[in-house]
Amino acid sequence: MDFNEEVIAEIEKLVYMANIYKMHVNLNLHRVPGFCINSGFNEPYNLWKDEQAQQPLFAHWEMWAKRFNIVSEKMLSFDLINEPCFREDRMTSSAGSAVPGDIYRKVVMGCLDRKMLEMLKKY
């Protein structure tokens, strides 16, 4: 997957600048392939149902995890998906319902670094 390195470099710069001033940063995605908390985005796939949406999400978080692997969790945290909910109609602001636990777990586990996932399976 290709990422816009210019934009990523700006985000990285902001994270490190905030850390210099002892500020904690939380990175989260308000819009991911197949899901947006805001209405009005026509997504061709549904994050909770379609592998075509899940794989790019996994690639994004793998990239961020590698990029910031030396930053302490005291200075940086990740919110994988902002306000996750299950909505069939993603074009309106209709109320969403909770994402079924097994589906949410599958998507979140896919975001984890493969080495971390192997460690978690031991527990």
N, C-alpha and C. Protein backbone atom coordinates (compact mmCIF):
# COMPACT_ATOMS: atom_id res chain seq x y z
N MET A 1 0.85 -1.17 0.00
CA MET A 1 0.00 0.00 0.00
C MET A 1 0.89 1.24 0.00
N ASP A 2 0.53 2.21 -0.78
CA ASP A 2 1.28 3.45 -0.85
C ASP A 2 0.68 4.48 0.11
N PHE A 3 1.56 5.12 0.86
CA PHE A 3 1.15 6.17 1.78
C PHE A 3 1.76 7.48 1.31
N ASN A 4 1.09 8.59 1.61
CA ASN A 4 1.59 9.90 1.26
C ASN A 4 2.65 10.30 2.30
N GLU A 5 3.90 10.08 1.97
CA GLU A 5 5.00 10.31 2.91
C GLU A 5 5.08 11.77 3.37
N GLU A 6 4.70 12.69 2.53
CA GLU A 6 4.74 14.10 2.91
C GLU A 6 3.76 14.37 4.05
N VAL A 7 2.57 13.84 3.96
CA VAL A 7 1.56 14.02 5.01
C VAL A 7 1.98 13.27 6.27
N ILE A 8 2.46 12.06 6.11
CA ILE A 8 2.89 11.26 7.26
C ILE A 8 4.03 11.95 7.99
N ALA A 9 4.96 12.54 7.25
CA ALA A 9 6.08 13.25 7.87
C ALA A 9 5.58 14.43 8.70
N GLU A 10 4.54 15.12 8.24
CA GLU A 10 3.96 16.23 9.00
C GLU A 10 3.34 15.73 10.31
N ILE A 11 2.63 14.61 10.24
CA ILE A 11 2.03 14.03 11.45
C ILE A 11 3.13 13.60 12.41
N GLU A 12 4.15 12.96 11.88
CA GLU A 12 5.27 12.53 12.71
C GLU A 12 5.94 13.74 13.39
N LYS A 13 6.11 14.80 12.66
CA LYS A 13 6.71 16.02 13.21
C LYS A 13 5.87 16.56 14.36
N LEU A 14 4.56 16.58 14.19
CA LEU A 14 3.66 17.07 15.24
C LEU A 14 3.72 16.19 16.48
N VAL A 15 3.78 14.88 16.29
CA VAL A 15 3.86 13.96 17.43
C VAL A 15 5.12 14.25 18.24
N TYR A 16 6.25 14.32 17.56
CA TYR A 16 7.51 14.55 18.26
C TYR A 16 7.59 15.95 18.88
N MET A 17 7.00 16.93 18.22
CA MET A 17 6.98 18.28 18.77
C MET A 17 6.14 18.30 20.06
N ALA A 18 5.00 17.67 20.03
CA ALA A 18 4.16 17.60 21.23
C ALA A 18 4.90 16.88 22.35
N ASN A 19 5.59 15.81 22.02
CA ASN A 19 6.32 15.05 23.03
C ASN A 19 7.44 15.87 23.67
N ILE A 20 8.07 16.75 22.89
CA ILE A 20 9.11 17.62 23.44
C ILE A 20 8.53 18.46 24.58
N TYR A 21 7.28 18.87 24.44
CA TYR A 21 6.61 19.67 25.45
C TYR A 21 5.83 18.82 26.45
N LYS A 22 6.18 17.52 26.50
CA LYS A 22 5.58 16.58 27.47
C LYS A 22 4.08 16.40 27.27
N MET A 23 3.63 16.56 26.04
CA MET A 23 2.22 16.37 25.73
C MET A 23 2.00 14.98 25.16
N HIS A 24 0.99 14.30 25.67
CA HIS A 24 0.61 12.99 25.15
C HIS A 24 -0.20 13.20 23.87
N VAL A 25 0.03 12.35 22.90
CA VAL A 25 -0.70 12.42 21.62
C VAL A 25 -1.50 11.13 21.45
N ASN A 26 -2.74 11.27 21.00
CA ASN A 26 -3.56 10.12 20.65
C ASN A 26 -3.86 10.21 19.17
N LEU A 27 -3.41 9.23 18.43
CA LEU A 27 -3.72 9.16 17.00
C LEU A 27 -4.93 8.27 16.81
N ASN A 28 -5.90 8.78 16.07
CA ASN A 28 -7.03 7.92 15.73
C ASN A 28 -7.54 8.30 14.36
N LEU A 29 -8.19 7.35 13.76
CA LEU A 29 -8.73 7.55 12.42
C LEU A 29 -10.23 7.75 12.51
N HIS A 30 -10.69 8.90 12.06
CA HIS A 30 -12.13 9.18 12.04
C HIS A 30 -12.78 8.58 10.80
N ARG A 31 -11.98 8.35 9.80
CA ARG A 31 -12.48 7.72 8.57
C ARG A 31 -11.46 6.67 8.16
N VAL A 32 -11.96 5.49 7.96
CA VAL A 32 -11.13 4.38 7.49
C VAL A 32 -11.86 3.74 6.31
N PRO A 33 -11.18 2.96 5.53
CA PRO A 33 -11.88 2.29 4.42
C PRO A 33 -13.09 1.51 4.96
N GLY A 34 -14.25 1.85 4.47
CA GLY A 34 -15.47 1.14 4.87
C GLY A 34 -16.16 1.67 6.10
N PHE A 35 -15.64 2.73 6.71
CA PHE A 35 -16.30 3.28 7.90
C PHE A 35 -15.91 4.74 8.12
N CYS A 36 -16.90 5.53 8.49
CA CYS A 36 -16.66 6.91 8.94
C CYS A 36 -17.73 7.22 9.96
N ILE A 37 -17.31 7.80 11.08
CA ILE A 37 -18.28 8.16 12.11
C ILE A 37 -19.23 9.25 11.61
N ASN A 38 -18.76 10.09 10.71
CA ASN A 38 -19.59 11.14 10.13
C ASN A 38 -20.42 10.55 8.98
N SER A 39 -21.58 11.12 8.75
CA SER A 39 -22.41 10.64 7.65
C SER A 39 -21.99 11.31 6.34
N GLY A 40 -22.49 10.77 5.25
CA GLY A 40 -22.29 11.41 3.96
C GLY A 40 -21.12 10.90 3.16
N PHE A 41 -20.44 9.89 3.66
CA PHE A 41 -19.32 9.32 2.91
C PHE A 41 -19.78 8.03 2.26
N ASN A 42 -19.69 7.99 0.96
CA ASN A 42 -20.10 6.79 0.23
C ASN A 42 -18.92 5.83 0.14
N GLU A 43 -18.89 4.89 1.02
CA GLU A 43 -17.83 3.90 1.05
C GLU A 43 -18.28 2.67 0.25
N PRO A 44 -17.45 2.19 -0.66
CA PRO A 44 -17.85 1.03 -1.45
C PRO A 44 -17.89 -0.26 -0.65
N TYR A 45 -17.22 -0.30 0.50
CA TYR A 45 -17.18 -1.51 1.32
C TYR A 45 -17.62 -1.18 2.74
N ASN A 46 -17.93 -2.20 3.50
CA ASN A 46 -18.29 -2.07 4.90
C ASN A 46 -17.16 -2.66 5.72
N LEU A 47 -16.54 -1.85 6.57
CA LEU A 47 -15.39 -2.30 7.35
C LEU A 47 -15.69 -3.55 8.15
N TRP A 48 -16.89 -3.65 8.67
CA TRP A 48 -17.23 -4.76 9.57
C TRP A 48 -17.56 -6.04 8.81
N LYS A 49 -17.75 -5.93 7.50
CA LYS A 49 -18.14 -7.10 6.72
C LYS A 49 -17.15 -7.48 5.62
N ASP A 50 -16.40 -6.52 5.12
CA ASP A 50 -15.63 -6.74 3.89
C ASP A 50 -14.12 -6.72 4.10
N GLU A 51 -13.50 -7.79 3.73
CA GLU A 51 -12.04 -7.93 3.79
C GLU A 51 -11.34 -6.82 2.99
N GLN A 52 -11.96 -6.38 1.90
CA GLN A 52 -11.38 -5.32 1.06
C GLN A 52 -11.23 -4.01 1.83
N ALA A 53 -12.03 -3.80 2.85
CA ALA A 53 -11.90 -2.61 3.70
C ALA A 53 -10.95 -2.88 4.86
N GLN A 54 -10.93 -4.09 5.36
CA GLN A 54 -10.12 -4.41 6.53
C GLN A 54 -8.63 -4.41 6.23
N GLN A 55 -8.22 -4.93 5.10
CA GLN A 55 -6.79 -5.01 4.79
C GLN A 55 -6.11 -3.64 4.74
N PRO A 56 -6.70 -2.63 4.12
CA PRO A 56 -6.06 -1.30 4.17
C PRO A 56 -5.98 -0.73 5.60
N LEU A 57 -7.00 -0.99 6.43
CA LEU A 57 -6.96 -0.55 7.82
C LEU A 57 -5.78 -1.21 8.53
N PHE A 58 -5.61 -2.51 8.33
CA PHE A 58 -4.49 -3.22 8.96
C PHE A 58 -3.16 -2.62 8.50
N ALA A 59 -3.06 -2.31 7.22
CA ALA A 59 -1.82 -1.74 6.68
C ALA A 59 -1.53 -0.37 7.29
N HIS A 60 -2.57 0.44 7.48
CA HIS A 60 -2.38 1.76 8.11
C HIS A 60 -1.80 1.61 9.51
N TRP A 61 -2.41 0.76 10.33
CA TRP A 61 -1.96 0.65 11.71
C TRP A 61 -0.61 -0.04 11.81
N GLU A 62 -0.31 -0.94 10.91
CA GLU A 62 1.02 -1.55 10.89
C GLU A 62 2.07 -0.47 10.59
N MET A 63 1.76 0.40 9.63
CA MET A 63 2.68 1.48 9.29
C MET A 63 2.89 2.41 10.49
N TRP A 64 1.81 2.82 11.17
CA TRP A 64 1.95 3.72 12.31
C TRP A 64 2.71 3.05 13.44
N ALA A 65 2.43 1.79 13.71
CA ALA A 65 3.12 1.08 14.79
C ALA A 65 4.62 1.00 14.52
N LYS A 66 4.99 0.72 13.30
CA LYS A 66 6.41 0.65 12.96
C LYS A 66 7.06 2.04 13.04
N ARG A 67 6.34 3.02 12.59
CA ARG A 67 6.89 4.38 12.55
C ARG A 67 7.16 4.91 13.95
N PHE A 68 6.30 4.57 14.91
CA PHE A 68 6.41 5.11 16.26
C PHE A 68 6.79 4.05 17.29
N ASN A 69 7.46 3.00 16.88
CA ASN A 69 7.75 1.90 17.81
C ASN A 69 8.69 2.28 18.94
N ILE A 70 9.37 3.41 18.84
CA ILE A 70 10.28 3.82 19.91
C ILE A 70 9.64 4.82 20.87
N VAL A 71 8.41 5.23 20.60
CA VAL A 71 7.74 6.22 21.44
C VAL A 71 7.00 5.50 22.57
N SER A 72 7.20 5.97 23.77
CA SER A 72 6.57 5.39 24.95
C SER A 72 5.05 5.53 24.88
N GLU A 73 4.37 4.53 25.43
CA GLU A 73 2.91 4.60 25.50
C GLU A 73 2.45 5.74 26.43
N LYS A 74 3.37 6.28 27.22
CA LYS A 74 3.05 7.43 28.05
C LYS A 74 2.96 8.71 27.22
N MET A 75 3.55 8.67 26.03
CA MET A 75 3.58 9.85 25.17
C MET A 75 2.71 9.71 23.92
N LEU A 76 2.34 8.49 23.59
CA LEU A 76 1.57 8.26 22.35
C LEU A 76 0.65 7.07 22.54
N SER A 77 -0.59 7.23 22.14
CA SER A 77 -1.53 6.12 22.14
C SER A 77 -2.30 6.12 20.83
N PHE A 78 -2.95 5.02 20.57
CA PHE A 78 -3.68 4.84 19.32
C PHE A 78 -5.13 4.47 19.61
N ASP A 79 -6.02 5.12 18.94
CA ASP A 79 -7.44 4.78 18.96
C ASP A 79 -7.71 4.27 17.55
N LEU A 80 -7.78 2.97 17.41
CA LEU A 80 -7.79 2.37 16.07
C LEU A 80 -8.88 2.91 15.17
N ILE A 81 -10.08 3.06 15.72
CA ILE A 81 -11.22 3.55 14.93
C ILE A 81 -12.02 4.47 15.84
N ASN A 82 -12.24 5.70 15.41
CA ASN A 82 -12.99 6.65 16.22
C ASN A 82 -14.47 6.27 16.28
N GLU A 83 -14.97 6.11 17.51
CA GLU A 83 -16.38 5.84 17.76
C GLU A 83 -16.95 4.73 16.87
N PRO A 84 -16.39 3.54 16.95
CA PRO A 84 -16.88 2.46 16.08
C PRO A 84 -18.33 2.10 16.37
N CYS A 85 -19.10 1.95 15.32
CA CYS A 85 -20.48 1.50 15.46
C CYS A 85 -20.87 0.81 14.16
N PHE A 86 -21.95 0.08 14.23
CA PHE A 86 -22.44 -0.65 13.08
C PHE A 86 -23.65 0.08 12.52
N ARG A 87 -23.52 0.56 11.28
CA ARG A 87 -24.61 1.28 10.60
C ARG A 87 -24.74 0.74 9.20
N GLU A 88 -25.90 0.28 8.86
CA GLU A 88 -26.12 -0.19 7.49
C GLU A 88 -26.12 0.98 6.51
N ASP A 89 -26.79 2.07 6.89
CA ASP A 89 -26.88 3.24 6.03
C ASP A 89 -25.79 4.22 6.43
N ARG A 90 -24.71 4.23 5.70
CA ARG A 90 -23.58 5.07 6.07
C ARG A 90 -23.67 6.47 5.46
N MET A 91 -24.71 6.74 4.70
CA MET A 91 -24.86 8.05 4.07
C MET A 91 -25.65 9.03 4.94
N THR A 92 -26.35 8.53 5.94
CA THR A 92 -27.12 9.42 6.81
C THR A 92 -26.56 9.32 8.22
N SER A 93 -27.03 10.18 9.07
CA SER A 93 -26.55 10.15 10.46
C SER A 93 -27.42 9.26 11.33
N SER A 94 -27.99 8.21 10.74
CA SER A 94 -28.83 7.30 11.51
C SER A 94 -28.02 6.71 12.66
N ALA A 95 -28.71 6.45 13.73
CA ALA A 95 -28.03 5.90 14.92
C ALA A 95 -27.43 4.55 14.59
N GLY A 96 -26.26 4.35 15.09
CA GLY A 96 -25.59 3.07 14.90
C GLY A 96 -25.81 2.19 16.11
N SER A 97 -25.51 0.93 15.94
CA SER A 97 -25.59 -0.01 17.05
C SER A 97 -24.18 -0.50 17.35
N ALA A 98 -24.06 -1.18 18.46
CA ALA A 98 -22.75 -1.72 18.83
C ALA A 98 -22.29 -2.73 17.78
N VAL A 99 -21.02 -2.72 17.50
CA VAL A 99 -20.44 -3.70 16.59
C VAL A 99 -20.42 -5.03 17.34
N PRO A 100 -20.95 -6.10 16.76
CA PRO A 100 -20.91 -7.40 17.44
C PRO A 100 -19.47 -7.74 17.87
N GLY A 101 -19.33 -8.23 19.10
CA GLY A 101 -18.03 -8.47 19.70
C GLY A 101 -17.09 -9.30 18.85
N ASP A 102 -17.58 -10.38 18.23
CA ASP A 102 -16.69 -11.24 17.44
C ASP A 102 -16.16 -10.51 16.21
N ILE A 103 -16.98 -9.65 15.62
CA ILE A 103 -16.55 -8.89 14.44
C ILE A 103 -15.55 -7.81 14.85
N TYR A 104 -15.87 -7.10 15.94
CA TYR A 104 -14.96 -6.05 16.42
C TYR A 104 -13.60 -6.66 16.77
N ARG A 105 -13.61 -7.78 17.46
CA ARG A 105 -12.36 -8.45 17.86
C ARG A 105 -11.54 -8.83 16.63
N LYS A 106 -12.18 -9.36 15.60
CA LYS A 106 -11.47 -9.76 14.38
C LYS A 106 -10.77 -8.56 13.75
N VAL A 107 -11.47 -7.44 13.66
CA VAL A 107 -10.90 -6.25 13.04
C VAL A 107 -9.77 -5.69 13.90
N VAL A 108 -9.96 -5.59 15.20
CA VAL A 108 -8.92 -5.06 16.08
C VAL A 108 -7.69 -5.97 16.08
N MET A 109 -7.90 -7.27 16.14
CA MET A 109 -6.77 -8.20 16.13
C MET A 109 -5.99 -8.09 14.82
N GLY A 110 -6.67 -7.81 13.74
CA GLY A 110 -6.00 -7.63 12.46
C GLY A 110 -5.10 -6.40 12.44
N CYS A 111 -5.40 -5.43 13.30
CA CYS A 111 -4.59 -4.21 13.37
C CYS A 111 -3.29 -4.41 14.15
N LEU A 112 -3.24 -5.45 14.94
CA LEU A 112 -2.06 -5.67 15.77
C LEU A 112 -0.88 -6.14 14.94
N ASP A 113 0.28 -5.74 15.35
CA ASP A 113 1.53 -6.21 14.77
C ASP A 113 1.56 -7.74 14.89
N ARG A 114 2.01 -8.41 13.87
CA ARG A 114 2.00 -9.87 13.85
C ARG A 114 2.78 -10.48 15.02
N LYS A 115 3.89 -9.88 15.42
CA LYS A 115 4.66 -10.39 16.55
C LYS A 115 3.87 -10.25 17.84
N MET A 116 3.20 -9.11 18.02
CA MET A 116 2.39 -8.89 19.20
C MET A 116 1.24 -9.89 19.24
N LEU A 117 0.64 -10.16 18.10
CA LEU A 117 -0.46 -11.10 18.02
C LEU A 117 -0.01 -12.49 18.47
N GLU A 118 1.16 -12.91 18.06
CA GLU A 118 1.69 -14.22 18.48
C GLU A 118 1.91 -14.25 19.98
N MET A 119 2.39 -13.15 20.56
CA MET A 119 2.58 -13.10 22.01
C MET A 119 1.24 -13.20 22.73
N LEU A 120 0.21 -12.52 22.23
CA LEU A 120 -1.09 -12.53 22.88
C LEU A 120 -1.74 -13.91 22.82
N LYS A 121 -1.47 -14.67 21.79
CA LYS A 121 -2.06 -16.00 21.65
C LYS A 121 -1.57 -16.95 22.74
N LYS A 122 -0.43 -16.63 23.35
CA LYS A 122 0.11 -17.48 24.42
C LYS A 122 -0.68 -17.36 25.70
N TYR A 123 -1.45 -16.27 25.85
CA TYR A 123 -2.19 -16.02 27.10
C TYR A 123 -3.61 -16.48 27.02
